[in-house]
Amino acid sequence: MLKIVPDPPRISHSLEDTLIQATDHALCAATVVHQALLQQPKSPASILMMTSMHELEALRALLESALIQVQMPAGAKPLH
């Protein structure tokens, strides 16, 4: 019997791919917050938006650090 709906493909991302994708999402979120701040700079929520931007920038830095560690050759020592 044939299946009407096929099974979804099995996607197994490597850790490196996952970190790159997470970094891209953090960049997109930071861009949205930045645009919101440009449109409503005097809004009462602007402090929350600036805090969100700060946290997203910290997240991106951590993700980039993790990505560098993943891309390091096996014999190299981490710099932190």
PDB file of N, CA and C in Angstrom:
ATOM      1  N   MET A   1       0.834  -1.169   0.000  1.00  0.00           N
ATOM      2  CA  MET A   1       0.000   0.000   0.000  1.00  0.00           C
ATOM      3  C   MET A   1       0.893   1.251   0.000  1.00  0.00           C
ATOM      4  N   LEU A   2       0.573   2.173  -0.861  1.00  0.00           N
ATOM      5  CA  LEU A   2       1.344   3.414  -0.950  1.00  0.00           C
ATOM      6  C   LEU A   2       0.863   4.419   0.081  1.00  0.00           C
ATOM      7  N   LYS A   3       1.828   5.165   0.630  1.00  0.00           N
ATOM      8  CA  LYS A   3       1.481   6.226   1.575  1.00  0.00           C
ATOM      9  C   LYS A   3       1.023   7.449   0.792  1.00  0.00           C
ATOM     10  N   ILE A   4      -0.014   8.085   1.263  1.00  0.00           N
ATOM     11  CA  ILE A   4      -0.488   9.308   0.614  1.00  0.00           C
ATOM     12  C   ILE A   4       0.438  10.473   0.940  1.00  0.00           C
ATOM     13  N   VAL A   5       0.846  10.546   2.199  1.00  0.00           N
ATOM     14  CA  VAL A   5       1.740  11.616   2.637  1.00  0.00           C
ATOM     15  C   VAL A   5       3.082  10.992   2.999  1.00  0.00           C
ATOM     16  N   PRO A   6       4.160  11.420   2.349  1.00  0.00           N
ATOM     17  CA  PRO A   6       5.472  10.840   2.669  1.00  0.00           C
ATOM     18  C   PRO A   6       5.973  11.311   4.033  1.00  0.00           C
ATOM     19  N   ASP A   7       6.870  10.527   4.608  1.00  0.00           N
ATOM     20  CA  ASP A   7       7.504  10.926   5.867  1.00  0.00           C
ATOM     21  C   ASP A   7       8.365  12.158   5.624  1.00  0.00           C
ATOM     22  N   PRO A   8       8.440  13.063   6.614  1.00  0.00           N
ATOM     23  CA  PRO A   8       9.304  14.223   6.441  1.00  0.00           C
ATOM     24  C   PRO A   8      10.765  13.789   6.407  1.00  0.00           C
ATOM     25  N   PRO A   9      11.606  14.523   5.712  1.00  0.00           N
ATOM     26  CA  PRO A   9      13.022  14.137   5.649  1.00  0.00           C
ATOM     27  C   PRO A   9      13.661  14.257   7.028  1.00  0.00           C
ATOM     28  N   ARG A  10      14.583  13.387   7.293  1.00  0.00           N
ATOM     29  CA  ARG A  10      15.309  13.453   8.564  1.00  0.00           C
ATOM     30  C   ARG A  10      16.474  14.410   8.385  1.00  0.00           C
ATOM     31  N   ILE A  11      16.419  15.477   9.130  1.00  0.00           N
ATOM     32  CA  ILE A  11      17.470  16.487   9.032  1.00  0.00           C
ATOM     33  C   ILE A  11      18.287  16.436  10.311  1.00  0.00           C
ATOM     34  N   SER A  12      19.529  16.082  10.173  1.00  0.00           N
ATOM     35  CA  SER A  12      20.404  16.097  11.342  1.00  0.00           C
ATOM     36  C   SER A  12      21.491  17.141  11.070  1.00  0.00           C
ATOM     37  N   HIS A  13      21.336  18.263  11.743  1.00  0.00           N
ATOM     38  CA  HIS A  13      22.299  19.346  11.575  1.00  0.00           C
ATOM     39  C   HIS A  13      23.508  19.082  12.452  1.00  0.00           C
ATOM     40  N   SER A  14      24.651  19.502  11.954  1.00  0.00           N
ATOM     41  CA  SER A  14      25.843  19.427  12.793  1.00  0.00           C
ATOM     42  C   SER A  14      25.783  20.566  13.802  1.00  0.00           C
ATOM     43  N   LEU A  15      26.596  20.494  14.816  1.00  0.00           N
ATOM     44  CA  LEU A  15      26.644  21.555  15.827  1.00  0.00           C
ATOM     45  C   LEU A  15      27.029  22.875  15.172  1.00  0.00           C
ATOM     46  N   GLU A  16      27.945  22.818  14.233  1.00  0.00           N
ATOM     47  CA  GLU A  16      28.368  24.029  13.529  1.00  0.00           C
ATOM     48  C   GLU A  16      27.199  24.662  12.773  1.00  0.00           C
ATOM     49  N   ASP A  17      26.430  23.844  12.064  1.00  0.00           N
ATOM     50  CA  ASP A  17      25.262  24.355  11.335  1.00  0.00           C
ATOM     51  C   ASP A  17      24.233  24.968  12.288  1.00  0.00           C
ATOM     52  N   THR A  18      24.028  24.313  13.428  1.00  0.00           N
ATOM     53  CA  THR A  18      23.075  24.816  14.407  1.00  0.00           C
ATOM     54  C   THR A  18      23.525  26.156  14.972  1.00  0.00           C
ATOM     55  N   LEU A  19      24.808  26.289  15.267  1.00  0.00           N
ATOM     56  CA  LEU A  19      25.337  27.558  15.786  1.00  0.00           C
ATOM     57  C   LEU A  19      25.225  28.678  14.754  1.00  0.00           C
ATOM     58  N   ILE A  20      25.484  28.363  13.498  1.00  0.00           N
ATOM     59  CA  ILE A  20      25.362  29.363  12.435  1.00  0.00           C
ATOM     60  C   ILE A  20      23.908  29.809  12.300  1.00  0.00           C
ATOM     61  N   GLN A  21      23.002  28.855  12.336  1.00  0.00           N
ATOM     62  CA  GLN A  21      21.580  29.175  12.223  1.00  0.00           C
ATOM     63  C   GLN A  21      21.109  30.010  13.422  1.00  0.00           C
ATOM     64  N   ALA A  22      21.558  29.659  14.619  1.00  0.00           N
ATOM     65  CA  ALA A  22      21.185  30.421  15.816  1.00  0.00           C
ATOM     66  C   ALA A  22      21.746  31.840  15.754  1.00  0.00           C
ATOM     67  N   THR A  23      22.962  31.997  15.236  1.00  0.00           N
ATOM     68  CA  THR A  23      23.567  33.326  15.086  1.00  0.00           C
ATOM     69  C   THR A  23      22.760  34.161  14.098  1.00  0.00           C
ATOM     70  N   ASP A  24      22.327  33.547  13.022  1.00  0.00           N
ATOM     71  CA  ASP A  24      21.494  34.259  12.037  1.00  0.00           C
ATOM     72  C   ASP A  24      20.171  34.717  12.655  1.00  0.00           C
ATOM     73  N   HIS A  25      19.551  33.862  13.462  1.00  0.00           N
ATOM     74  CA  HIS A  25      18.291  34.229  14.118  1.00  0.00           C
ATOM     75  C   HIS A  25      18.506  35.378  15.105  1.00  0.00           C
ATOM     76  N   ALA A  26      19.616  35.348  15.842  1.00  0.00           N
ATOM     77  CA  ALA A  26      19.914  36.431  16.780  1.00  0.00           C
ATOM     78  C   ALA A  26      20.138  37.743  16.027  1.00  0.00           C
ATOM     79  N   LEU A  27      20.797  37.684  14.876  1.00  0.00           N
ATOM     80  CA  LEU A  27      21.018  38.882  14.060  1.00  0.00           C
ATOM     81  C   LEU A  27      19.692  39.434  13.557  1.00  0.00           C
ATOM     82  N   CYS A  28      18.810  38.563  13.099  1.00  0.00           N
ATOM     83  CA  CYS A  28      17.493  39.008  12.622  1.00  0.00           C
ATOM     84  C   CYS A  28      16.689  39.649  13.753  1.00  0.00           C
ATOM     85  N   ALA A  29      16.727  39.045  14.931  1.00  0.00           N
ATOM     86  CA  ALA A  29      15.994  39.596  16.073  1.00  0.00           C
ATOM     87  C   ALA A  29      16.557  40.966  16.458  1.00  0.00           C
ATOM     88  N   ALA A  30      17.872  41.108  16.439  1.00  0.00           N
ATOM     89  CA  ALA A  30      18.492  42.396  16.767  1.00  0.00           C
ATOM     90  C   ALA A  30      18.109  43.456  15.735  1.00  0.00           C
ATOM     91  N   THR A  31      18.010  43.060  14.483  1.00  0.00           N
ATOM     92  CA  THR A  31      17.613  43.997  13.428  1.00  0.00           C
ATOM     93  C   THR A  31      16.179  44.473  13.639  1.00  0.00           C
ATOM     94  N   VAL A  32      15.296  43.568  14.030  1.00  0.00           N
ATOM     95  CA  VAL A  32      13.899  43.939  14.295  1.00  0.00           C
ATOM     96  C   VAL A  32      13.827  44.923  15.462  1.00  0.00           C
ATOM     97  N   VAL A  33      14.560  44.651  16.519  1.00  0.00           N
ATOM     98  CA  VAL A  33      14.559  45.551  17.678  1.00  0.00           C
ATOM     99  C   VAL A  33      15.118  46.914  17.280  1.00  0.00           C
ATOM    100  N   HIS A  34      16.179  46.915  16.498  1.00  0.00           N
ATOM    101  CA  HIS A  34      16.775  48.181  16.042  1.00  0.00           C
ATOM    102  C   HIS A  34      15.764  48.997  15.228  1.00  0.00           C
ATOM    103  N   GLN A  35      15.050  48.353  14.326  1.00  0.00           N
ATOM    104  CA  GLN A  35      14.039  49.048  13.525  1.00  0.00           C
ATOM    105  C   GLN A  35      12.908  49.582  14.401  1.00  0.00           C
ATOM    106  N   ALA A  36      12.507  48.807  15.406  1.00  0.00           N
ATOM    107  CA  ALA A  36      11.457  49.257  16.322  1.00  0.00           C
ATOM    108  C   ALA A  36      11.912  50.492  17.093  1.00  0.00           C
ATOM    109  N   LEU A  37      13.169  50.514  17.491  1.00  0.00           N
ATOM    110  CA  LEU A  37      13.704  51.681  18.199  1.00  0.00           C
ATOM    111  C   LEU A  37      13.734  52.913  17.296  1.00  0.00           C
ATOM    112  N   LEU A  38      14.059  52.710  16.026  1.00  0.00           N
ATOM    113  CA  LEU A  38      14.086  53.841  15.087  1.00  0.00           C
ATOM    114  C   LEU A  38      12.693  54.418  14.871  1.00  0.00           C
ATOM    115  N   GLN A  39      11.673  53.571  14.894  1.00  0.00           N
ATOM    116  CA  GLN A  39      10.308  54.033  14.650  1.00  0.00           C
ATOM    117  C   GLN A  39       9.671  54.651  15.889  1.00  0.00           C
ATOM    118  N   GLN A  40      10.035  54.182  17.063  1.00  0.00           N
ATOM    119  CA  GLN A  40       9.430  54.660  18.310  1.00  0.00           C
ATOM    120  C   GLN A  40      10.516  54.989  19.343  1.00  0.00           C
ATOM    121  N   PRO A  41      11.402  55.970  19.075  1.00  0.00           N
ATOM    122  CA  PRO A  41      12.515  56.222  19.994  1.00  0.00           C
ATOM    123  C   PRO A  41      12.082  56.751  21.364  1.00  0.00           C
ATOM    124  N   LYS A  42      10.941  57.411  21.467  1.00  0.00           N
ATOM    125  CA  LYS A  42      10.488  57.987  22.737  1.00  0.00           C
ATOM    126  C   LYS A  42       9.432  57.117  23.429  1.00  0.00           C
ATOM    127  N   SER A  43       9.220  55.935  22.934  1.00  0.00           N
ATOM    128  CA  SER A  43       8.219  55.033  23.492  1.00  0.00           C
ATOM    129  C   SER A  43       8.626  54.597  24.905  1.00  0.00           C
ATOM    130  N   PRO A  44       7.641  54.394  25.788  1.00  0.00           N
ATOM    131  CA  PRO A  44       7.971  53.868  27.120  1.00  0.00           C
ATOM    132  C   PRO A  44       8.642  52.491  27.052  1.00  0.00           C
ATOM    133  N   ALA A  45       8.398  51.769  25.977  1.00  0.00           N
ATOM    134  CA  ALA A  45       8.995  50.439  25.825  1.00  0.00           C
ATOM    135  C   ALA A  45      10.418  50.496  25.269  1.00  0.00           C
ATOM    136  N   SER A  46      10.911  51.690  24.953  1.00  0.00           N
ATOM    137  CA  SER A  46      12.244  51.786  24.334  1.00  0.00           C
ATOM    138  C   SER A  46      13.344  51.260  25.262  1.00  0.00           C
ATOM    139  N   ILE A  47      13.179  51.413  26.577  1.00  0.00           N
ATOM    140  CA  ILE A  47      14.183  50.878  27.506  1.00  0.00           C
ATOM    141  C   ILE A  47      14.209  49.351  27.419  1.00  0.00           C
ATOM    142  N   LEU A  48      13.033  48.747  27.310  1.00  0.00           N
ATOM    143  CA  LEU A  48      12.976  47.289  27.153  1.00  0.00           C
ATOM    144  C   LEU A  48      13.594  46.861  25.825  1.00  0.00           C
ATOM    145  N   MET A  49      13.370  47.632  24.788  1.00  0.00           N
ATOM    146  CA  MET A  49      13.940  47.301  23.479  1.00  0.00           C
ATOM    147  C   MET A  49      15.463  47.424  23.518  1.00  0.00           C
ATOM    148  N   MET A  50      15.974  48.464  24.188  1.00  0.00           N
ATOM    149  CA  MET A  50      17.429  48.619  24.282  1.00  0.00           C
ATOM    150  C   MET A  50      18.039  47.472  25.099  1.00  0.00           C
ATOM    151  N   THR A  51      17.342  47.050  26.143  1.00  0.00           N
ATOM    152  CA  THR A  51      17.809  45.917  26.936  1.00  0.00           C
ATOM    153  C   THR A  51      17.814  44.646  26.092  1.00  0.00           C
ATOM    154  N   SER A  52      16.771  44.468  25.304  1.00  0.00           N
ATOM    155  CA  SER A  52      16.712  43.307  24.401  1.00  0.00           C
ATOM    156  C   SER A  52      17.857  43.329  23.404  1.00  0.00           C
ATOM    157  N   MET A  53      18.148  44.503  22.870  1.00  0.00           N
ATOM    158  CA  MET A  53      19.253  44.642  21.916  1.00  0.00           C
ATOM    159  C   MET A  53      20.582  44.262  22.584  1.00  0.00           C
ATOM    160  N   HIS A  54      20.779  44.736  23.803  1.00  0.00           N
ATOM    161  CA  HIS A  54      22.010  44.407  24.537  1.00  0.00           C
ATOM    162  C   HIS A  54      22.129  42.897  24.737  1.00  0.00           C
ATOM    163  N   GLU A  55      21.047  42.266  25.150  1.00  0.00           N
ATOM    164  CA  GLU A  55      21.068  40.820  25.383  1.00  0.00           C
ATOM    165  C   GLU A  55      21.300  40.041  24.087  1.00  0.00           C
ATOM    166  N   LEU A  56      20.706  40.504  22.998  1.00  0.00           N
ATOM    167  CA  LEU A  56      20.909  39.829  21.707  1.00  0.00           C
ATOM    168  C   LEU A  56      22.352  39.967  21.237  1.00  0.00           C
ATOM    169  N   GLU A  57      22.962  41.119  21.471  1.00  0.00           N
ATOM    170  CA  GLU A  57      24.369  41.294  21.098  1.00  0.00           C
ATOM    171  C   GLU A  57      25.266  40.384  21.935  1.00  0.00           C
ATOM    172  N   ALA A  58      24.947  40.238  23.227  1.00  0.00           N
ATOM    173  CA  ALA A  58      25.713  39.316  24.076  1.00  0.00           C
ATOM    174  C   ALA A  58      25.532  37.873  23.600  1.00  0.00           C
ATOM    175  N   LEU A  59      24.309  37.522  23.224  1.00  0.00           N
ATOM    176  CA  LEU A  59      24.032  36.181  22.699  1.00  0.00           C
ATOM    177  C   LEU A  59      24.830  35.926  21.422  1.00  0.00           C
ATOM    178  N   ARG A  60      24.849  36.894  20.528  1.00  0.00           N
ATOM    179  CA  ARG A  60      25.602  36.721  19.280  1.00  0.00           C
ATOM    180  C   ARG A  60      27.085  36.527  19.558  1.00  0.00           C
ATOM    181  N   ALA A  61      27.626  37.275  20.515  1.00  0.00           N
ATOM    182  CA  ALA A  61      29.046  37.122  20.858  1.00  0.00           C
ATOM    183  C   ALA A  61      29.330  35.713  21.392  1.00  0.00           C
ATOM    184  N   LEU A  62      28.445  35.211  22.242  1.00  0.00           N
ATOM    185  CA  LEU A  62      28.621  33.855  22.767  1.00  0.00           C
ATOM    186  C   LEU A  62      28.517  32.804  21.662  1.00  0.00           C
ATOM    187  N   LEU A  63      27.558  32.979  20.763  1.00  0.00           N
ATOM    188  CA  LEU A  63      27.399  32.029  19.659  1.00  0.00           C
ATOM    189  C   LEU A  63      28.609  32.051  18.734  1.00  0.00           C
ATOM    190  N   GLU A  64      29.132  33.238  18.450  1.00  0.00           N
ATOM    191  CA  GLU A  64      30.313  33.333  17.585  1.00  0.00           C
ATOM    192  C   GLU A  64      31.522  32.698  18.254  1.00  0.00           C
ATOM    193  N   SER A  65      31.655  32.865  19.569  1.00  0.00           N
ATOM    194  CA  SER A  65      32.741  32.227  20.303  1.00  0.00           C
ATOM    195  C   SER A  65      32.621  30.712  20.232  1.00  0.00           C
ATOM    196  N   ALA A  66      31.418  30.201  20.415  1.00  0.00           N
ATOM    197  CA  ALA A  66      31.191  28.755  20.331  1.00  0.00           C
ATOM    198  C   ALA A  66      31.477  28.244  18.923  1.00  0.00           C
ATOM    199  N   LEU A  67      31.092  29.005  17.920  1.00  0.00           N
ATOM    200  CA  LEU A  67      31.341  28.610  16.532  1.00  0.00           C
ATOM    201  C   LEU A  67      32.836  28.542  16.242  1.00  0.00           C
ATOM    202  N   ILE A  68      33.584  29.502  16.747  1.00  0.00           N
ATOM    203  CA  ILE A  68      35.041  29.492  16.561  1.00  0.00           C
ATOM    204  C   ILE A  68      35.644  28.250  17.213  1.00  0.00           C
ATOM    205  N   GLN A  69      35.157  27.905  18.408  1.00  0.00           N
ATOM    206  CA  GLN A  69      35.676  26.723  19.098  1.00  0.00           C
ATOM    207  C   GLN A  69      35.355  25.444  18.332  1.00  0.00           C
ATOM    208  N   VAL A  70      34.181  25.379  17.724  1.00  0.00           N
ATOM    209  CA  VAL A  70      33.797  24.199  16.948  1.00  0.00           C
ATOM    210  C   VAL A  70      34.660  24.078  15.698  1.00  0.00           C
ATOM    211  N   GLN A  71      35.024  25.208  15.109  1.00  0.00           N
ATOM    212  CA  GLN A  71      35.783  25.204  13.864  1.00  0.00           C
ATOM    213  C   GLN A  71      37.283  25.031  14.093  1.00  0.00           C
ATOM    214  N   MET A  72      37.732  25.069  15.350  1.00  0.00           N
ATOM    215  CA  MET A  72      39.155  24.920  15.663  1.00  0.00           C
ATOM    216  C   MET A  72      39.630  23.507  15.355  1.00  0.00           C
ATOM    217  N   PRO A  73      40.848  23.378  14.867  1.00  0.00           N
ATOM    218  CA  PRO A  73      41.394  22.039  14.667  1.00  0.00           C
ATOM    219  C   PRO A  73      41.455  21.275  15.995  1.00  0.00           C
ATOM    220  N   ALA A  74      41.437  19.955  15.933  1.00  0.00           N
ATOM    221  CA  ALA A  74      41.360  19.127  17.140  1.00  0.00           C
ATOM    222  C   ALA A  74      42.533  19.360  18.097  1.00  0.00           C
ATOM    223  N   GLY A  75      43.719  19.658  17.597  1.00  0.00           N
ATOM    224  CA  GLY A  75      44.892  19.829  18.456  1.00  0.00           C
ATOM    225  C   GLY A  75      45.035  21.213  19.045  1.00  0.00           C
ATOM    226  N   ALA A  76      44.280  22.176  18.581  1.00  0.00           N
ATOM    227  CA  ALA A  76      44.425  23.556  19.055  1.00  0.00           C
ATOM    228  C   ALA A  76      43.765  23.721  20.416  1.00  0.00           C
ATOM    229  N   LYS A  77      44.332  24.632  21.219  1.00  0.00           N
ATOM    230  CA  LYS A  77      43.791  24.880  22.550  1.00  0.00           C
ATOM    231  C   LYS A  77      42.855  26.094  22.500  1.00  0.00           C
ATOM    232  N   PRO A  78      41.763  26.070  23.274  1.00  0.00           N
ATOM    233  CA  PRO A  78      40.874  27.225  23.329  1.00  0.00           C
ATOM    234  C   PRO A  78      41.576  28.423  23.963  1.00  0.00           C
ATOM    235  N   LEU A  79      41.177  29.619  23.561  1.00  0.00           N
ATOM    236  CA  LEU A  79      41.817  30.840  24.028  1.00  0.00           C
ATOM    237  C   LEU A  79      41.159  31.463  25.245  1.00  0.00           C
ATOM    238  N   HIS A  80      40.182  30.842  25.824  1.00  0.00           N
ATOM    239  CA  HIS A  80      39.487  31.469  26.957  1.00  0.00           C
ATOM    240  C   HIS A  80      39.937  30.927  28.268  1.00  0.00           C
TER     241      HIS A  80
END
